[in-house]
Amino acid sequence: MDESCGKPPEHARRAFIEAAKEAGILMEYDW
């Protein structure tokens, strides 16, 4: 598990993006 690079695991990142979309806070982030 390589979590020391500063980037979250893919599944965690996707979960965050989904939550952000539902919350309506995704604006101009470069996903």
N, C-alpha and C. Protein backbone atom coordinates (compact mmCIF):
# COMPACT_ATOMS: atom_id res chain seq x y z
N MET A 1 0.84 -1.20 0.00
CA MET A 1 0.00 0.00 0.00
C MET A 1 0.87 1.25 0.00
N ASP A 2 0.82 1.99 -1.06
CA ASP A 2 1.68 3.17 -1.18
C ASP A 2 0.86 4.42 -0.93
N GLU A 3 0.74 4.79 0.34
CA GLU A 3 -0.04 5.99 0.66
C GLU A 3 0.87 7.11 1.11
N SER A 4 2.18 6.91 0.96
CA SER A 4 3.13 7.92 1.44
C SER A 4 3.43 8.94 0.35
N CYS A 5 2.84 8.74 -0.84
CA CYS A 5 3.11 9.66 -1.93
C CYS A 5 2.21 10.89 -1.85
N GLY A 6 1.24 10.86 -0.95
CA GLY A 6 0.38 12.02 -0.78
C GLY A 6 -0.93 11.92 -1.53
N LYS A 7 -1.07 10.89 -2.37
CA LYS A 7 -2.33 10.72 -3.10
C LYS A 7 -3.13 9.58 -2.50
N PRO A 8 -4.43 9.77 -2.32
CA PRO A 8 -5.28 8.72 -1.74
C PRO A 8 -5.45 7.57 -2.73
N PRO A 9 -5.82 6.40 -2.23
CA PRO A 9 -6.10 5.25 -3.10
C PRO A 9 -7.21 5.59 -4.09
N GLU A 10 -7.24 4.93 -5.22
CA GLU A 10 -8.22 5.24 -6.27
C GLU A 10 -9.65 5.16 -5.77
N HIS A 11 -9.97 4.14 -4.99
CA HIS A 11 -11.36 4.00 -4.54
C HIS A 11 -11.74 5.13 -3.59
N ALA A 12 -10.79 5.56 -2.79
CA ALA A 12 -11.08 6.66 -1.86
C ALA A 12 -11.25 7.95 -2.64
N ARG A 13 -10.43 8.11 -3.68
CA ARG A 13 -10.51 9.31 -4.50
C ARG A 13 -11.85 9.37 -5.22
N ARG A 14 -12.28 8.24 -5.76
CA ARG A 14 -13.57 8.21 -6.45
C ARG A 14 -14.71 8.50 -5.49
N ALA A 15 -14.63 7.95 -4.29
CA ALA A 15 -15.68 8.17 -3.30
C ALA A 15 -15.76 9.65 -2.96
N PHE A 16 -14.59 10.29 -2.85
CA PHE A 16 -14.56 11.72 -2.54
C PHE A 16 -15.17 12.52 -3.68
N ILE A 17 -14.84 12.16 -4.90
CA ILE A 17 -15.37 12.88 -6.07
C ILE A 17 -16.89 12.74 -6.13
N GLU A 18 -17.38 11.52 -5.89
CA GLU A 18 -18.83 11.30 -5.91
C GLU A 18 -19.51 12.15 -4.85
N ALA A 19 -18.93 12.18 -3.65
CA ALA A 19 -19.50 12.96 -2.56
C ALA A 19 -19.46 14.44 -2.90
N ALA A 20 -18.38 14.87 -3.52
CA ALA A 20 -18.23 16.27 -3.88
C ALA A 20 -19.27 16.65 -4.93
N LYS A 21 -19.51 15.76 -5.88
CA LYS A 21 -20.52 16.03 -6.91
C LYS A 21 -21.90 16.19 -6.27
N GLU A 22 -22.22 15.30 -5.35
CA GLU A 22 -23.54 15.37 -4.71
C GLU A 22 -23.66 16.63 -3.89
N ALA A 23 -22.56 17.06 -3.29
CA ALA A 23 -22.58 18.26 -2.46
C ALA A 23 -22.54 19.51 -3.34
N GLY A 24 -22.15 19.33 -4.59
CA GLY A 24 -22.11 20.47 -5.51
C GLY A 24 -20.91 21.35 -5.29
N ILE A 25 -19.80 20.76 -4.81
CA ILE A 25 -18.62 21.58 -4.55
C ILE A 25 -17.54 21.35 -5.59
N LEU A 26 -17.86 20.52 -6.58
CA LEU A 26 -16.87 20.32 -7.65
C LEU A 26 -17.02 21.48 -8.62
N MET A 27 -15.98 22.27 -8.73
CA MET A 27 -16.08 23.43 -9.62
C MET A 27 -15.04 23.36 -10.72
N GLU A 28 -13.84 23.80 -10.43
CA GLU A 28 -12.83 23.79 -11.48
C GLU A 28 -11.63 22.96 -11.09
N TYR A 29 -11.88 21.86 -10.38
CA TYR A 29 -10.77 20.99 -10.01
C TYR A 29 -10.38 20.16 -11.22
N ASP A 30 -9.10 19.87 -11.34
CA ASP A 30 -8.62 19.10 -12.49
C ASP A 30 -8.59 17.63 -12.13
N TRP A 31 -9.71 16.95 -12.31
CA TRP A 31 -9.75 15.53 -12.01
C TRP A 31 -9.33 14.78 -13.25
